[in-house]
Protein backbone atom coordinates (compact mmCIF):
# COMPACT_ATOMS: atom_id res chain seq x y z
CA MET A 1 79.90 76.41 215.62
CA ALA A 2 79.25 77.09 211.89
CA ILE A 3 80.28 79.45 209.51
CA LYS A 4 77.77 82.25 208.16
CA PRO A 5 78.97 84.19 205.97
CA LEU A 6 78.80 88.15 205.97
CA ALA A 7 77.49 90.96 204.15
CA ASP A 8 77.67 89.52 200.39
CA ARG A 9 79.30 86.46 200.65
CA VAL A 10 78.17 83.13 200.24
CA LEU A 11 79.98 79.64 201.36
CA VAL A 12 80.42 76.96 198.84
CA LYS A 13 81.84 73.42 198.55
CA ALA A 14 83.06 72.34 195.50
CA VAL A 15 81.57 69.59 193.49
CA GLU A 16 84.02 66.53 193.17
CA ALA A 17 85.84 66.92 190.07
CA GLU A 18 85.45 64.24 187.15
CA GLU A 19 88.29 61.58 187.48
CA LYS A 20 87.79 60.30 184.12
CA THR A 21 87.74 62.44 180.55
CA LYS A 22 84.89 61.47 178.32
CA THR A 23 87.53 59.15 175.90
CA GLY A 24 87.77 57.04 179.22
CA ILE A 25 91.25 58.82 180.09
CA ILE A 26 91.69 58.31 184.31
CA LEU A 27 93.10 62.01 185.58
CA THR A 28 95.42 62.32 188.42
CA ALA A 29 94.49 64.28 191.21
CA ALA A 30 97.54 66.77 190.17
CA SER A 31 95.98 67.36 186.54
CA GLN A 32 92.27 67.77 187.60
CA GLU A 33 91.69 71.42 187.55
CA LYS A 34 89.83 73.04 190.37
CA PRO A 35 86.19 72.44 190.11
CA GLN A 36 84.20 75.94 189.15
CA ILE A 37 80.73 74.02 190.08
CA ALA A 38 80.15 74.36 193.62
CA GLU A 39 76.75 74.04 196.10
CA VAL A 40 75.88 77.05 198.03
CA VAL A 41 76.35 76.12 202.22
CA ALA A 42 75.48 79.39 203.28
CA VAL A 43 74.60 82.53 202.28
CA GLY A 44 75.04 85.89 203.91
CA PRO A 45 72.38 88.52 204.46
CA GLY A 46 73.31 91.02 201.85
CA GLY A 47 72.26 94.89 202.78
CA MET A 48 74.99 97.76 201.88
CA VAL A 49 77.67 96.96 200.47
CA ASP A 50 80.35 99.63 199.13
CA GLY A 51 77.19 102.11 199.40
CA LYS A 52 75.09 100.10 197.19
CA GLU A 53 72.29 97.78 198.53
CA ILE A 54 72.66 94.24 197.58
CA THR A 55 69.77 91.83 197.64
CA MET A 56 71.09 87.88 197.53
CA ILE A 57 70.05 86.09 194.56
CA VAL A 58 71.11 82.78 195.60
CA LYS A 59 69.77 80.42 198.35
CA VAL A 60 71.48 77.49 200.34
CA GLY A 61 71.43 74.42 197.72
CA ASP A 62 71.90 76.30 194.67
CA ARG A 63 74.31 74.48 192.41
CA VAL A 64 76.66 77.69 191.01
CA ILE A 65 79.62 78.36 188.87
CA THR A 66 81.92 80.30 190.24
CA SER A 67 84.96 82.55 189.18
CA LYS A 68 87.91 80.42 188.34
CA TYR A 69 90.47 82.24 190.67
CA SER A 70 87.58 83.62 193.26
CA GLY A 71 87.19 83.63 197.10
CA THR A 72 89.26 82.12 200.05
CA ASP A 73 89.22 78.93 200.89
CA VAL A 74 89.06 77.64 204.52
CA LYS A 75 89.11 74.25 205.77
CA TYR A 76 86.55 73.61 208.49
CA ASP A 77 85.81 70.25 210.37
CA GLY A 78 88.08 67.90 207.74
CA THR A 79 85.44 69.47 204.78
CA GLU A 80 87.01 72.50 202.18
CA TYR A 81 84.95 75.35 201.30
CA SER A 82 85.51 78.53 199.15
CA ILE A 83 83.60 81.69 200.33
CA VAL A 84 83.20 83.94 197.58
CA ARG A 85 80.95 87.34 196.85
CA GLN A 86 77.80 87.03 195.45
CA SER A 87 79.21 89.16 192.35
CA ASP A 88 81.90 86.17 191.74
CA ILE A 89 79.53 83.49 191.17
CA LEU A 90 78.61 83.57 187.51
CA ALA A 91 75.74 81.02 186.83
CA ILE A 92 72.91 78.69 189.08
CA VAL A 93 72.93 75.49 187.49
CA ASP A 94 69.49 74.12 187.22
């Protein structure tokens, strides 16, 4: 069984947060912010959403920046994912 996003939704897995600041201070897990950079794991088919035709731009393997408080967090097979709408993806990181 696998997670398959529907419509304009994208399944992403957060990239690990930095545990050290640039100056060398080690951060505890509680003080780290939720990472905004994630890797695309699965992409929905797009199609008609709210009366508009949506074409999916992101693809599996892309690294993206998501809105800070967007999406729904899901835990599957011990791994944490988020399901976000494509419109909540702000940029693709090259």
